[in-house]
Amino acid sequence: MNDQVKGKCLHCHTTDQDVLGTIGKFKNNGLVSEEKLSDYEDQGLGGVTNKDADYGKFKVPSIRNLGFSAPYMHDGRFKTLKEVLDFYDNPNASLNVDSKIKQHLGGANLNEAEKEAIIAFLNTLNDSSFISSSKLSNPFTLN
């Protein structure tokens, strides 16, 4: 969906510039509604860099092979892609929330049919041969 009024997925999950569908940066997507740095139970990048601006930021994941990577978000709070899309209907306006997520406040403006279409699209990016290839399996196990 390339509609810049709805969803706004392309701000973080690019499809033009990267085959993995990610900008590869750390962002705060409004999972929590923290108002002070000390409120962050999970500090994210800020716990590593100790920079105030990095608290609550996590790496934007690839949209490739999402069908094999549930649960979703850094802490696994969402079991399905539908739950992820539903979350973006009402993200939190927390400290350090990304400016692009602020545009989602009030909702991503996706109806149920659009959410189903996005999930169908994301499922086309699943590569079962990649997942089942013994050449790409754990290098630390003996075959």
Protein backbone atom coordinates (compact mmCIF):
# COMPACT_ATOMS: atom_id res chain seq x y z
CA MET A 1 0.00 0.00 0.00
CA ASN A 2 1.69 3.17 -1.17
CA ASP A 3 -1.03 5.50 0.09
CA GLN A 4 0.84 8.12 2.10
CA VAL A 5 -2.30 8.98 4.10
CA LYS A 6 -2.97 5.45 5.33
CA GLY A 7 -0.68 3.07 7.15
CA LYS A 8 2.53 4.98 6.54
CA CYS A 9 4.48 1.71 6.71
CA LEU A 10 7.01 2.96 4.16
CA HIS A 11 8.53 5.41 6.62
CA CYS A 12 10.34 2.54 8.33
CA HIS A 13 9.76 -0.45 6.05
CA THR A 14 11.06 0.72 2.70
CA THR A 15 10.56 -1.49 -0.31
CA ASP A 16 12.33 0.64 -2.91
CA GLN A 17 15.75 0.94 -1.32
CA ASP A 18 16.26 -2.38 0.44
CA VAL A 19 15.14 -5.89 -0.41
CA LEU A 20 14.75 -6.61 3.30
CA GLY A 21 12.14 -3.88 3.70
CA THR A 22 13.76 -1.99 6.56
CA ILE A 23 15.64 1.24 7.02
CA GLY A 24 17.91 -0.69 9.39
CA LYS A 25 17.83 2.02 12.06
CA PHE A 26 16.67 2.15 15.65
CA LYS A 27 13.27 3.77 16.28
CA ASN A 28 10.77 4.16 19.10
CA ASN A 29 7.43 3.06 17.66
CA GLY A 30 5.30 3.99 20.66
CA LEU A 31 4.89 0.56 22.23
CA VAL A 32 4.88 2.08 25.70
CA SER A 33 3.72 5.42 27.07
CA GLU A 34 6.72 6.46 29.13
CA GLU A 35 7.07 10.11 30.08
CA LYS A 36 10.49 9.96 31.81
CA LEU A 37 13.66 8.06 30.94
CA SER A 38 13.52 6.31 34.32
CA ASP A 39 10.09 4.91 33.39
CA TYR A 40 11.49 2.71 30.61
CA GLU A 41 11.47 -0.85 31.92
CA ASP A 42 13.10 -1.95 28.66
CA GLN A 43 15.57 0.77 27.77
CA GLY A 44 16.32 -0.45 24.26
CA LEU A 45 19.28 1.19 22.54
CA GLY A 46 19.49 3.71 25.40
CA GLY A 47 20.51 0.90 27.74
CA VAL A 48 23.58 0.38 25.56
CA THR A 49 24.51 3.93 24.52
CA ASN A 50 23.28 5.71 27.68
CA LYS A 51 22.08 8.54 25.40
CA ASP A 52 18.78 10.04 26.50
CA ALA A 53 17.51 10.18 22.90
CA ASP A 54 18.03 6.40 22.45
CA TYR A 55 15.79 5.17 25.26
CA GLY A 56 12.94 3.03 24.00
CA LYS A 57 14.46 2.63 20.53
CA PHE A 58 14.71 -0.79 18.90
CA LYS A 59 15.94 -1.86 15.49
CA VAL A 60 13.35 -1.72 12.71
CA PRO A 61 12.99 -5.33 11.57
CA SER A 62 12.90 -6.71 8.07
CA ILE A 63 9.53 -7.48 6.55
CA ARG A 64 11.00 -10.57 4.86
CA ASN A 65 10.00 -13.95 6.30
CA LEU A 66 7.62 -12.46 8.86
CA GLY A 67 5.54 -15.62 8.63
CA PHE A 68 8.39 -17.45 10.36
CA SER A 69 9.30 -14.88 12.99
CA ALA A 70 6.31 -14.62 15.34
CA PRO A 71 5.88 -13.37 18.00
CA TYR A 72 6.42 -9.77 16.99
CA MET A 73 8.06 -6.66 18.46
CA HIS A 74 11.26 -6.74 20.49
CA ASP A 75 9.48 -8.29 23.45
CA GLY A 76 7.17 -10.66 21.56
CA ARG A 77 3.99 -8.98 22.80
CA PHE A 78 2.04 -9.59 19.58
CA LYS A 79 1.31 -13.13 18.41
CA THR A 80 -0.02 -12.21 14.96
CA LEU A 81 0.55 -9.68 12.21
CA LYS A 82 -3.07 -8.61 12.68
CA GLU A 83 -2.24 -7.64 16.28
CA VAL A 84 0.72 -5.60 14.99
CA LEU A 85 -1.46 -3.72 12.51
CA ASP A 86 -4.12 -3.20 15.18
CA PHE A 87 -1.46 -1.69 17.46
CA TYR A 88 -0.69 0.98 14.85
CA ASP A 89 -4.31 2.10 15.12
CA ASN A 90 -3.35 3.63 18.46
CA PRO A 91 0.39 3.86 19.27
CA ASN A 92 1.52 5.66 22.41
CA ALA A 93 2.84 9.22 22.48
CA SER A 94 5.80 8.33 24.66
CA LEU A 95 9.05 10.12 25.34
CA ASN A 96 11.39 9.65 22.36
CA VAL A 97 8.64 8.33 20.10
CA ASP A 98 9.72 8.65 16.48
CA SER A 99 8.34 11.65 14.60
CA LYS A 100 6.88 9.33 11.95
CA ILE A 101 4.96 7.41 14.63
CA LYS A 102 3.53 10.70 15.88
CA GLN A 103 1.78 10.83 12.51
CA HIS A 104 0.02 7.56 13.49
CA LEU A 105 -1.48 9.09 16.63
CA GLY A 106 -5.18 8.86 16.06
CA GLY A 107 -4.74 5.74 13.99
CA ALA A 108 -3.10 4.31 10.92
CA ASN A 109 -6.45 4.70 9.15
CA LEU A 110 -6.56 1.12 7.86
CA ASN A 111 -9.83 -0.76 7.60
CA GLU A 112 -10.02 -4.54 8.11
CA ALA A 113 -9.90 -5.31 4.38
CA GLU A 114 -6.75 -3.20 4.00
CA LYS A 115 -5.13 -4.94 6.97
CA GLU A 116 -5.93 -8.32 5.39
CA ALA A 117 -4.42 -7.12 2.09
CA ILE A 118 -1.24 -5.98 3.85
CA ILE A 119 -0.91 -9.32 5.63
CA ALA A 120 -1.45 -11.15 2.32
CA PHE A 121 1.29 -9.02 0.76
CA LEU A 122 3.66 -9.64 3.66
CA ASN A 123 3.07 -13.38 3.32
CA THR A 124 4.31 -13.21 -0.28
CA LEU A 125 7.68 -12.24 1.20
CA ASN A 126 8.03 -15.56 3.06
CA ASP A 127 10.66 -17.89 1.61
CA SER A 128 10.12 -21.43 2.85
CA SER A 129 13.14 -22.72 0.88
CA PHE A 130 15.34 -20.32 2.84
CA ILE A 131 13.95 -21.61 6.11
CA SER A 132 14.25 -25.31 5.22
CA SER A 133 17.65 -25.26 3.47
CA SER A 134 20.24 -27.40 5.27
CA LYS A 135 22.93 -25.19 3.69
CA LEU A 136 21.58 -22.28 5.71
CA SER A 137 20.98 -24.15 8.96
CA ASN A 138 22.78 -23.81 12.26
CA PRO A 139 26.55 -24.01 11.53
CA PHE A 140 27.24 -25.22 15.07
CA THR A 141 25.32 -28.48 14.80
CA LEU A 142 26.73 -31.63 13.30
CA ASN A 143 24.81 -33.08 10.37
